[in-house]
């Protein structure tokens, strides 16, 4: 009986040792999996950040990059555990945001130059056709002159028949602050508030005749560090020479553009990380 009790105690002790070893093995496996996941997330984030730039030194954005991609990568990096690698990636994201306004302007300029080249080619062809047309008979030319005169008189008649509302719209078009909203390039939030498709961080408020009356720039996900960083964004939505003219108070400044001759009120909303919102209005 004593021998059987001894054997039972030995068996139970062995079972306890095996259980403890199994638990330790499971703990080691779990720690290894967690480390692997963290490493994988960090490597993916590094690849996605590198994918925003065209060079290894991160001085230029890759052609075709969108602001939506920058925000998406920023969210991915913000979810990483705190580390020196994460801080470096956050600085790279900030660099991408600073490069964005100039990148957009250069892209638009490049597209504009391409359009002008196409128009120049079309105009050259048109000039050739014009020379050929001028060699036609005097009778045909007289008929063209007559048709041109009739068209001119028709335009004058339409101008005279314009309603007061149409004349007001013409006047506003010459004195508009930010321009008219192309609703094909925006998503309606409500009847007077739209989000721009090309700049999803930008929202605009509109008034009569779809005139843009205000702009709200949302940087809640990736706050700006200071007011200096906001200048380029203000210029993108007002005029490229707009500069700070004076400080209204600690949370707002007045900007002025010599090109447009207009003054703008720029207000800032901040949180613990920096400037989260930038609001732009015409100065009253």
C-alpha atoms as a PDB file:
ATOM      1  CA  UNK A   1       0.000   0.000   0.000  1.00  0.00           C
ATOM      2  CA  UNK A   2       2.812   2.391   0.885  1.00  0.00           C
ATOM      3  CA  UNK A   3       4.571   1.507  -2.353  1.00  0.00           C
ATOM      4  CA  UNK A   4       1.452   2.247  -4.413  1.00  0.00           C
ATOM      5  CA  UNK A   5       1.005   5.635  -2.690  1.00  0.00           C
ATOM      6  CA  UNK A   6       4.633   6.468  -3.471  1.00  0.00           C
ATOM      7  CA  UNK A   7       4.200   5.556  -7.120  1.00  0.00           C
ATOM      8  CA  UNK A   8       1.032   7.693  -7.302  1.00  0.00           C
ATOM      9  CA  UNK A   9       2.845  10.731  -5.868  1.00  0.00           C
ATOM     10  CA  UNK A  10       5.711  10.296  -8.355  1.00  0.00           C
ATOM     11  CA  UNK A  11       3.240  10.111 -11.239  1.00  0.00           C
ATOM     12  CA  UNK A  12       1.428  13.269 -10.113  1.00  0.00           C
ATOM     13  CA  UNK A  13       4.708  15.161  -9.747  1.00  0.00           C
ATOM     14  CA  UNK A  14       5.706  14.138 -13.262  1.00  0.00           C
ATOM     15  CA  UNK A  15       2.348  15.278 -14.595  1.00  0.00           C
ATOM     16  CA  UNK A  16       2.770  18.679 -12.910  1.00  0.00           C
ATOM     17  CA  UNK A  17       6.222  19.060 -14.403  1.00  0.00           C
ATOM     18  CA  UNK A  18       4.913  18.229 -17.875  1.00  0.00           C
ATOM     19  CA  UNK A  19       2.062  20.732 -17.501  1.00  0.00           C
ATOM     20  CA  UNK A  20       4.446  23.464 -16.406  1.00  0.00           C
ATOM     21  CA  UNK A  21       6.728  22.743 -19.345  1.00  0.00           C
ATOM     22  CA  UNK A  22       3.762  22.817 -21.705  1.00  0.00           C
ATOM     23  CA  UNK A  23       2.567  26.179 -20.345  1.00  0.00           C
ATOM     24  CA  UNK A  24       6.074  27.640 -20.678  1.00  0.00           C
ATOM     25  CA  UNK A  25       6.252  26.380 -24.265  1.00  0.00           C
ATOM     26  CA  UNK A  26       2.873  27.965 -25.091  1.00  0.00           C
ATOM     27  CA  UNK A  27       3.994  31.258 -23.495  1.00  0.00           C
ATOM     28  CA  UNK A  28       7.204  31.233 -25.536  1.00  0.00           C
ATOM     29  CA  UNK A  29       5.253  30.516 -28.727  1.00  0.00           C
ATOM     30  CA  UNK A  30       2.788  33.356 -27.966  1.00  0.00           C
ATOM     31  CA  UNK A  31       5.618  35.830 -27.318  1.00  0.00           C
ATOM     32  CA  UNK A  32       7.286  34.765 -30.544  1.00  0.00           C
ATOM     33  CA  UNK A  33       4.049  35.284 -32.510  1.00  0.00           C
ATOM     34  CA  UNK A  34       3.521  38.766 -30.987  1.00  0.00           C
ATOM     35  CA  UNK A  35       7.100  39.777 -31.821  1.00  0.00           C
ATOM     36  CA  UNK A  36       6.642  38.466 -35.354  1.00  0.00           C
ATOM     37  CA  UNK A  37       3.404  40.462 -35.792  1.00  0.00           C
ATOM     38  CA  UNK A  38       5.048  43.678 -34.527  1.00  0.00           C
ATOM     39  CA  UNK A  39       8.005  43.160 -36.855  1.00  0.00           C
ATOM     40  CA  UNK A  40       5.686  42.438 -39.787  1.00  0.00           C
ATOM     41  CA  UNK A  41       3.585  45.575 -39.103  1.00  0.00           C
ATOM     42  CA  UNK A  42       6.701  47.736 -38.860  1.00  0.00           C
ATOM     43  CA  UNK A  43       8.170  46.350 -42.093  1.00  0.00           C
ATOM     44  CA  UNK A  44       4.878  46.870 -43.935  1.00  0.00           C
ATOM     45  CA  UNK A  45       4.681  50.436 -42.640  1.00  0.00           C
ATOM     46  CA  UNK A  46       8.264  51.123 -43.792  1.00  0.00           C
ATOM     47  CA  UNK A  47       7.467  49.771 -47.271  1.00  0.00           C
ATOM     48  CA  UNK A  48       4.311  51.896 -47.519  1.00  0.00           C
ATOM     49  CA  UNK A  49       6.130  55.049 -46.367  1.00  0.00           C
ATOM     50  CA  UNK A  50       8.923  54.417 -48.906  1.00  0.00           C
ATOM     51  CA  UNK A  51       6.219  53.963 -51.547  1.00  0.00           C
ATOM     52  CA  UNK A  52       5.155  57.603 -51.125  1.00  0.00           C
ATOM     53  CA  UNK A  53       8.527  58.906 -52.320  1.00  0.00           C
ATOM     54  CA  UNK A  54      10.398  58.689 -55.613  1.00  0.00           C
ATOM     55  CA  UNK A  55      13.859  58.640 -54.009  1.00  0.00           C
ATOM     56  CA  UNK A  56      15.550  56.885 -51.098  1.00  0.00           C
ATOM     57  CA  UNK A  57      16.257  60.175 -49.302  1.00  0.00           C
ATOM     58  CA  UNK A  58      12.539  61.045 -49.273  1.00  0.00           C
ATOM     59  CA  UNK A  59      12.906  64.468 -50.888  1.00  0.00           C
ATOM     60  CA  UNK A  60      10.279  64.088 -53.638  1.00  0.00           C
ATOM     61  CA  UNK A  61       6.841  62.463 -53.774  1.00  0.00           C
ATOM     62  CA  UNK A  62       6.271  59.656 -56.266  1.00  0.00           C
ATOM     63  CA  UNK A  63       4.252  60.680 -59.324  1.00  0.00           C
ATOM     64  CA  UNK A  64       0.623  59.662 -58.920  1.00  0.00           C
ATOM     65  CA  UNK A  65       0.678  59.859 -55.106  1.00  0.00           C
ATOM     66  CA  UNK A  66      -2.611  61.079 -53.580  1.00  0.00           C
ATOM     67  CA  UNK A  67      -3.243  62.801 -50.260  1.00  0.00           C
ATOM     68  CA  UNK A  68      -5.581  59.933 -49.395  1.00  0.00           C
ATOM     69  CA  UNK A  69      -2.594  57.567 -49.594  1.00  0.00           C
ATOM     70  CA  UNK A  70      -0.564  59.815 -47.301  1.00  0.00           C
ATOM     71  CA  UNK A  71      -3.367  59.846 -44.718  1.00  0.00           C
ATOM     72  CA  UNK A  72      -3.802  56.068 -44.979  1.00  0.00           C
ATOM     73  CA  UNK A  73      -0.093  55.416 -44.382  1.00  0.00           C
ATOM     74  CA  UNK A  74      -0.128  57.952 -41.531  1.00  0.00           C
ATOM     75  CA  UNK A  75      -2.927  56.021 -39.800  1.00  0.00           C
ATOM     76  CA  UNK A  76      -0.996  52.780 -40.288  1.00  0.00           C
ATOM     77  CA  UNK A  77       2.161  54.251 -38.706  1.00  0.00           C
ATOM     78  CA  UNK A  78       0.241  55.817 -35.795  1.00  0.00           C
ATOM     79  CA  UNK A  79      -0.966  52.335 -34.751  1.00  0.00           C
ATOM     80  CA  UNK A  80       2.606  51.026 -34.315  1.00  0.00           C
ATOM     81  CA  UNK A  81       4.045  50.681 -30.788  1.00  0.00           C
ATOM     82  CA  UNK A  82       6.225  53.612 -29.719  1.00  0.00           C
ATOM     83  CA  UNK A  83       9.816  53.190 -30.905  1.00  0.00           C
ATOM     84  CA  UNK A  84      12.640  55.048 -32.638  1.00  0.00           C
ATOM     85  CA  UNK A  85      11.569  53.461 -35.935  1.00  0.00           C
ATOM     86  CA  UNK A  86       8.023  54.788 -35.479  1.00  0.00           C
ATOM     87  CA  UNK A  87       9.324  58.314 -34.764  1.00  0.00           C
ATOM     88  CA  UNK A  88      11.382  58.234 -37.981  1.00  0.00           C
ATOM     89  CA  UNK A  89       8.355  57.093 -39.994  1.00  0.00           C
ATOM     90  CA  UNK A  90       6.228  59.884 -38.483  1.00  0.00           C
ATOM     91  CA  UNK A  91       8.857  62.424 -39.577  1.00  0.00           C
ATOM     92  CA  UNK A  92       8.725  60.961 -43.090  1.00  0.00           C
ATOM     93  CA  UNK A  93       4.915  61.334 -43.095  1.00  0.00           C
ATOM     94  CA  UNK A  94       5.308  64.980 -42.033  1.00  0.00           C
ATOM     95  CA  UNK A  95       7.790  65.488 -44.885  1.00  0.00           C
ATOM     96  CA  UNK A  96       5.244  64.057 -47.334  1.00  0.00           C
ATOM     97  CA  UNK A  97       2.587  66.480 -46.047  1.00  0.00           C
ATOM     98  CA  UNK A  98       4.951  69.441 -46.473  1.00  0.00           C
ATOM     99  CA  UNK A  99       5.810  68.368 -50.019  1.00  0.00           C
ATOM    100  CA  UNK A 100       2.151  67.880 -50.963  1.00  0.00           C
ATOM    101  CA  UNK A 101       1.086  71.488 -51.883  1.00  0.00           C
ATOM    102  CA  UNK A 102       4.112  72.059 -54.141  1.00  0.00           C
ATOM    103  CA  UNK A 103       3.694  68.560 -55.610  1.00  0.00           C
ATOM    104  CA  UNK A 104       0.060  69.325 -56.519  1.00  0.00           C
ATOM    105  CA  UNK A 105       1.008  72.673 -58.078  1.00  0.00           C
ATOM    106  CA  UNK A 106       3.750  71.073 -60.186  1.00  0.00           C
ATOM    107  CA  UNK A 107       1.408  68.288 -61.297  1.00  0.00           C
ATOM    108  CA  UNK A 108      -1.281  70.793 -62.281  1.00  0.00           C
ATOM    109  CA  UNK A 109       1.314  72.920 -64.118  1.00  0.00           C
ATOM    110  CA  UNK A 110       2.564  69.865 -65.993  1.00  0.00           C
ATOM    111  CA  UNK A 111      -0.981  68.951 -67.017  1.00  0.00           C
ATOM    112  CA  UNK A 112      -1.625  72.557 -68.049  1.00  0.00           C
ATOM    113  CA  UNK A 113       1.502  72.628 -70.234  1.00  0.00           C
ATOM    114  CA  UNK A 114       0.410  69.394 -71.884  1.00  0.00           C
ATOM    115  CA  UNK A 115      -2.995  70.904 -72.652  1.00  0.00           C
ATOM    116  CA  UNK A 116      -1.369  74.064 -74.054  1.00  0.00           C
ATOM    117  CA  UNK A 117       0.839  71.962 -76.325  1.00  0.00           C
ATOM    118  CA  UNK A 118      -2.240  70.190 -77.672  1.00  0.00           C
ATOM    119  CA  UNK A 119      -4.027  73.505 -78.158  1.00  0.00           C
ATOM    120  CA  UNK A 120      -0.994  74.943 -79.977  1.00  0.00           C
ATOM    121  CA  UNK A 121      -1.005  72.001 -82.372  1.00  0.00           C
ATOM    122  CA  UNK A 122      -4.723  72.453 -82.951  1.00  0.00           C
ATOM    123  CA  UNK A 123      -4.254  76.202 -83.529  1.00  0.00           C
ATOM    124  CA  UNK A 124      -1.512  75.497 -86.069  1.00  0.00           C
ATOM    125  CA  UNK A 125      -3.863  73.269 -88.012  1.00  0.00           C
ATOM    126  CA  UNK A 126      -6.578  75.897 -87.728  1.00  0.00           C
ATOM    127  CA  UNK A 127      -4.242  78.570 -89.151  1.00  0.00           C
ATOM    128  CA  UNK A 128      -3.509  76.376 -92.162  1.00  0.00           C
ATOM    129  CA  UNK A 129      -7.211  75.939 -92.784  1.00  0.00           C
ATOM    130  CA  UNK A 130      -7.704  79.687 -92.417  1.00  0.00           C
ATOM    131  CA  UNK A 131      -5.161  80.423 -95.189  1.00  0.00           C
ATOM    132  CA  UNK A 132      -6.948  77.994 -97.443  1.00  0.00           C
ATOM    133  CA  UNK A 133     -10.282  79.579 -96.590  1.00  0.00           C
ATOM    134  CA  UNK A 134      -9.007  83.085 -97.444  1.00  0.00           C
ATOM    135  CA  UNK A 135      -8.375  81.955-101.015  1.00  0.00           C
ATOM    136  CA  UNK A 136     -12.075  81.300-101.552  1.00  0.00           C
ATOM    137  CA  UNK A 137     -14.319  83.581-103.597  1.00  0.00           C
ATOM    138  CA  UNK A 138     -15.288  87.107-102.543  1.00  0.00           C
ATOM    139  CA  UNK A 139     -18.910  86.061-102.546  1.00  0.00           C
ATOM    140  CA  UNK A 140     -18.293  83.397 -99.904  1.00  0.00           C
ATOM    141  CA  UNK A 141     -16.311  85.865 -97.771  1.00  0.00           C
ATOM    142  CA  UNK A 142     -19.157  88.350 -97.962  1.00  0.00           C
ATOM    143  CA  UNK A 143     -21.553  85.648 -96.813  1.00  0.00           C
ATOM    144  CA  UNK A 144     -19.295  84.845 -93.864  1.00  0.00           C
ATOM    145  CA  UNK A 145     -19.126  88.529 -92.909  1.00  0.00           C
ATOM    146  CA  UNK A 146     -22.883  88.710 -93.032  1.00  0.00           C
ATOM    147  CA  UNK A 147     -23.217  85.645 -90.816  1.00  0.00           C
ATOM    148  CA  UNK A 148     -20.667  87.076 -88.368  1.00  0.00           C
ATOM    149  CA  UNK A 149     -22.592  90.327 -88.156  1.00  0.00           C
ATOM    150  CA  UNK A 150     -25.820  88.449 -87.499  1.00  0.00           C
ATOM    151  CA  UNK A 151     -24.131  86.461 -84.719  1.00  0.00           C
ATOM    152  CA  UNK A 152     -22.800  89.651 -83.120  1.00  0.00           C
ATOM    153  CA  UNK A 153     -26.240  91.241 -83.180  1.00  0.00           C
ATOM    154  CA  UNK A 154     -27.710  88.088 -81.650  1.00  0.00           C
ATOM    155  CA  UNK A 155     -25.198  88.199 -78.778  1.00  0.00           C
ATOM    156  CA  UNK A 156     -25.977  91.859 -78.119  1.00  0.00           C
ATOM    157  CA  UNK A 157     -29.683  91.065 -78.055  1.00  0.00           C
ATOM    158  CA  UNK A 158     -29.111  88.255 -75.531  1.00  0.00           C
ATOM    159  CA  UNK A 159     -27.045  90.570 -73.315  1.00  0.00           C
ATOM    160  CA  UNK A 160     -29.833  93.163 -73.367  1.00  0.00           C
ATOM    161  CA  UNK A 161     -32.390  90.493 -72.447  1.00  0.00           C
ATOM    162  CA  UNK A 162     -30.444  89.184 -69.436  1.00  0.00           C
ATOM    163  CA  UNK A 163     -32.349  89.078 -66.145  1.00  0.00           C
ATOM    164  CA  UNK A 164     -31.184  90.953 -63.064  1.00  0.00           C
ATOM    165  CA  UNK A 165     -30.159  87.631 -61.520  1.00  0.00           C
ATOM    166  CA  UNK A 166     -27.953  86.777 -64.508  1.00  0.00           C
ATOM    167  CA  UNK A 167     -26.347  90.230 -64.434  1.00  0.00           C
ATOM    168  CA  UNK A 168     -25.685  89.780 -60.708  1.00  0.00           C
ATOM    169  CA  UNK A 169     -24.030  86.418 -61.418  1.00  0.00           C
ATOM    170  CA  UNK A 170     -21.781  88.068 -64.030  1.00  0.00           C
ATOM    171  CA  UNK A 171     -20.763  90.722 -61.513  1.00  0.00           C
ATOM    172  CA  UNK A 172     -20.048  88.142 -58.820  1.00  0.00           C
ATOM    173  CA  UNK A 173     -17.903  86.144 -61.232  1.00  0.00           C
ATOM    174  CA  UNK A 174     -15.541  89.100 -61.556  1.00  0.00           C
ATOM    175  CA  UNK A 175     -15.325  89.637 -57.789  1.00  0.00           C
ATOM    176  CA  UNK A 176     -15.392  86.056 -56.475  1.00  0.00           C
ATOM    177  CA  UNK A 177     -13.129  85.257 -53.503  1.00  0.00           C
ATOM    178  CA  UNK A 178     -12.254  81.594 -53.949  1.00  0.00           C
ATOM    179  CA  UNK A 179     -14.015  80.773 -57.208  1.00  0.00           C
ATOM    180  CA  UNK A 180     -16.948  78.605 -58.179  1.00  0.00           C
ATOM    181  CA  UNK A 181     -17.314  75.023 -56.989  1.00  0.00           C
ATOM    182  CA  UNK A 182     -17.298  72.330 -59.675  1.00  0.00           C
ATOM    183  CA  UNK A 183     -19.730  69.899 -58.058  1.00  0.00           C
ATOM    184  CA  UNK A 184     -18.434  67.077 -60.249  1.00  0.00           C
ATOM    185  CA  UNK A 185     -15.190  67.301 -58.262  1.00  0.00           C
ATOM    186  CA  UNK A 186     -16.835  67.290 -54.827  1.00  0.00           C
ATOM    187  CA  UNK A 187     -19.049  65.145 -52.608  1.00  0.00           C
ATOM    188  CA  UNK A 188     -22.106  66.805 -51.076  1.00  0.00           C
ATOM    189  CA  UNK A 189     -22.243  66.793 -47.277  1.00  0.00           C
ATOM    190  CA  UNK A 190     -25.331  68.980 -47.197  1.00  0.00           C
ATOM    191  CA  UNK A 191     -26.890  71.639 -49.451  1.00  0.00           C
ATOM    192  CA  UNK A 192     -24.199  74.221 -48.666  1.00  0.00           C
ATOM    193  CA  UNK A 193     -21.217  72.070 -47.636  1.00  0.00           C
ATOM    194  CA  UNK A 194     -19.010  69.864 -49.863  1.00  0.00           C
ATOM    195  CA  UNK A 195     -15.900  67.688 -49.526  1.00  0.00           C
ATOM    196  CA  UNK A 196     -13.373  67.962 -52.381  1.00  0.00           C
ATOM    197  CA  UNK A 197     -12.587  64.627 -54.079  1.00  0.00           C
ATOM    198  CA  UNK A 198      -8.978  65.472 -54.970  1.00  0.00           C
ATOM    199  CA  UNK A 199      -8.251  66.855 -51.481  1.00  0.00           C
ATOM    200  CA  UNK A 200     -10.314  64.775 -49.048  1.00  0.00           C
ATOM    201  CA  UNK A 201      -8.989  66.825 -46.137  1.00  0.00           C
ATOM    202  CA  UNK A 202     -10.613  69.951 -47.613  1.00  0.00           C
ATOM    203  CA  UNK A 203     -14.251  70.972 -47.185  1.00  0.00           C
ATOM    204  CA  UNK A 204     -15.850  74.083 -48.698  1.00  0.00           C
ATOM    205  CA  UNK A 205     -18.920  76.101 -47.812  1.00  0.00           C
ATOM    206  CA  UNK A 206     -20.817  77.594 -50.748  1.00  0.00           C
ATOM    207  CA  UNK A 207     -23.312  80.409 -51.221  1.00  0.00           C
ATOM    208  CA  UNK A 208     -25.444  81.699 -54.091  1.00  0.00           C
ATOM    209  CA  UNK A 209     -24.378  80.606 -57.579  1.00  0.00           C
ATOM    210  CA  UNK A 210     -22.095  77.935 -55.977  1.00  0.00           C
ATOM    211  CA  UNK A 211     -19.529  80.561 -54.928  1.00  0.00           C
ATOM    212  CA  UNK A 212     -17.017  79.155 -52.429  1.00  0.00           C
ATOM    213  CA  UNK A 213     -17.370  81.269 -49.265  1.00  0.00           C
ATOM    214  CA  UNK A 214     -15.137  79.356 -46.853  1.00  0.00           C
ATOM    215  CA  UNK A 215     -12.632  76.505 -46.655  1.00  0.00           C
ATOM    216  CA  UNK A 216     -12.057  74.046 -43.807  1.00  0.00           C
ATOM    217  CA  UNK A 217      -8.867  71.949 -43.822  1.00  0.00           C
ATOM    218  CA  UNK A 218      -9.023  68.900 -41.529  1.00  0.00           C
ATOM    219  CA  UNK A 219      -5.697  67.738 -40.056  1.00  0.00           C
ATOM    220  CA  UNK A 220      -7.106  65.792 -37.073  1.00  0.00           C
ATOM    221  CA  UNK A 221      -5.355  62.568 -38.124  1.00  0.00           C
ATOM    222  CA  UNK A 222      -2.006  64.265 -38.822  1.00  0.00           C
ATOM    223  CA  UNK A 223      -1.929  67.643 -37.025  1.00  0.00           C
ATOM    224  CA  UNK A 224       0.368  70.426 -38.227  1.00  0.00           C
ATOM    225  CA  UNK A 225       3.159  71.325 -35.821  1.00  0.00           C
ATOM    226  CA  UNK A 226       2.772  75.115 -36.058  1.00  0.00           C
ATOM    227  CA  UNK A 227       1.270  78.026 -38.042  1.00  0.00           C
ATOM    228  CA  UNK A 228       4.236  78.151 -40.421  1.00  0.00           C
ATOM    229  CA  UNK A 229       3.261  74.733 -41.778  1.00  0.00           C
ATOM    230  CA  UNK A 230      -0.253  76.030 -42.482  1.00  0.00           C
ATOM    231  CA  UNK A 231       0.955  78.826 -44.823  1.00  0.00           C
ATOM    232  CA  UNK A 232       1.397  76.557 -47.866  1.00  0.00           C
ATOM    233  CA  UNK A 233      -2.109  75.151 -47.435  1.00  0.00           C
ATOM    234  CA  UNK A 234      -3.597  78.656 -47.103  1.00  0.00           C
ATOM    235  CA  UNK A 235      -1.827  79.677 -50.321  1.00  0.00           C
ATOM    236  CA  UNK A 236      -3.155  76.584 -52.128  1.00  0.00           C
ATOM    237  CA  UNK A 237      -6.742  77.678 -51.479  1.00  0.00           C
ATOM    238  CA  UNK A 238      -6.354  81.487 -51.800  1.00  0.00           C
ATOM    239  CA  UNK A 239      -3.377  82.809 -53.817  1.00  0.00           C
ATOM    240  CA  UNK A 240       0.207  81.593 -54.131  1.00  0.00           C
ATOM    241  CA  UNK A 241       1.548  84.933 -52.857  1.00  0.00           C
ATOM    242  CA  UNK A 242      -0.765  85.137 -49.829  1.00  0.00           C
ATOM    243  CA  UNK A 243       1.242  85.949 -46.694  1.00  0.00           C
ATOM    244  CA  UNK A 244       0.466  86.714 -43.071  1.00  0.00           C
ATOM    245  CA  UNK A 245      -0.250  90.438 -42.735  1.00  0.00           C
ATOM    246  CA  UNK A 246      -1.027  90.597 -39.020  1.00  0.00           C
ATOM    247  CA  UNK A 247      -2.107  88.526 -36.041  1.00  0.00           C
ATOM    248  CA  UNK A 248      -5.727  88.927 -35.056  1.00  0.00           C
ATOM    249  CA  UNK A 249      -5.355  86.957 -31.819  1.00  0.00           C
ATOM    250  CA  UNK A 250      -3.635  83.815 -30.572  1.00  0.00           C
ATOM    251  CA  UNK A 251      -5.926  81.605 -32.633  1.00  0.00           C
ATOM    252  CA  UNK A 252      -6.284  83.553 -35.892  1.00  0.00           C
ATOM    253  CA  UNK A 253      -4.296  85.641 -38.404  1.00  0.00           C
ATOM    254  CA  UNK A 254      -4.991  87.974 -41.318  1.00  0.00           C
ATOM    255  CA  UNK A 255      -3.433  87.117 -44.708  1.00  0.00           C
ATOM    256  CA  UNK A 256      -3.137  89.376 -47.771  1.00  0.00           C
ATOM    257  CA  UNK A 257      -2.504  88.696 -51.475  1.00  0.00           C
ATOM    258  CA  UNK A 258      -1.091  91.375 -53.766  1.00  0.00           C
ATOM    259  CA  UNK A 259      -2.167  89.353 -56.810  1.00  0.00           C
ATOM    260  CA  UNK A 260      -5.849  89.258 -55.874  1.00  0.00           C
ATOM    261  CA  UNK A 261      -5.836  92.407 -53.734  1.00  0.00           C
ATOM    262  CA  UNK A 262      -7.861  90.458 -51.162  1.00  0.00           C
ATOM    263  CA  UNK A 263      -7.551  89.897 -47.419  1.00  0.00           C
ATOM    264  CA  UNK A 264      -8.290  86.587 -45.722  1.00  0.00           C
ATOM    265  CA  UNK A 265      -9.062  85.556 -42.145  1.00  0.00           C
ATOM    266  CA  UNK A 266      -7.349  82.301 -41.130  1.00  0.00           C
ATOM    267  CA  UNK A 267      -8.428  80.614 -37.886  1.00  0.00           C
ATOM    268  CA  UNK A 268      -6.683  77.686 -36.183  1.00  0.00           C
ATOM    269  CA  UNK A 269      -8.049  74.939 -33.935  1.00  0.00           C
ATOM    270  CA  UNK A 270      -5.441  73.051 -31.902  1.00  0.00           C
ATOM    271  CA  UNK A 271      -5.199  69.886 -29.822  1.00  0.00           C
ATOM    272  CA  UNK A 272      -2.393  68.260 -27.818  1.00  0.00           C
ATOM    273  CA  UNK A 273      -0.577  67.210 -31.003  1.00  0.00           C
ATOM    274  CA  UNK A 274      -0.733  70.521 -32.905  1.00  0.00           C
ATOM    275  CA  UNK A 275      -3.083  72.307 -35.331  1.00  0.00           C
ATOM    276  CA  UNK A 276      -6.044  70.047 -36.144  1.00  0.00           C
ATOM    277  CA  UNK A 277      -8.213  72.439 -38.192  1.00  0.00           C
ATOM    278  CA  UNK A 278      -7.521  75.462 -40.435  1.00  0.00           C
ATOM    279  CA  UNK A 279     -10.505  77.655 -41.410  1.00  0.00           C
ATOM    280  CA  UNK A 280     -10.225  80.276 -44.186  1.00  0.00           C
ATOM    281  CA  UNK A 281     -12.738  83.106 -44.730  1.00  0.00           C
ATOM    282  CA  UNK A 282     -12.833  86.422 -46.586  1.00  0.00           C
ATOM    283  CA  UNK A 283     -11.897  89.249 -44.216  1.00  0.00           C
ATOM    284  CA  UNK A 284     -15.013  91.157 -43.225  1.00  0.00           C
END
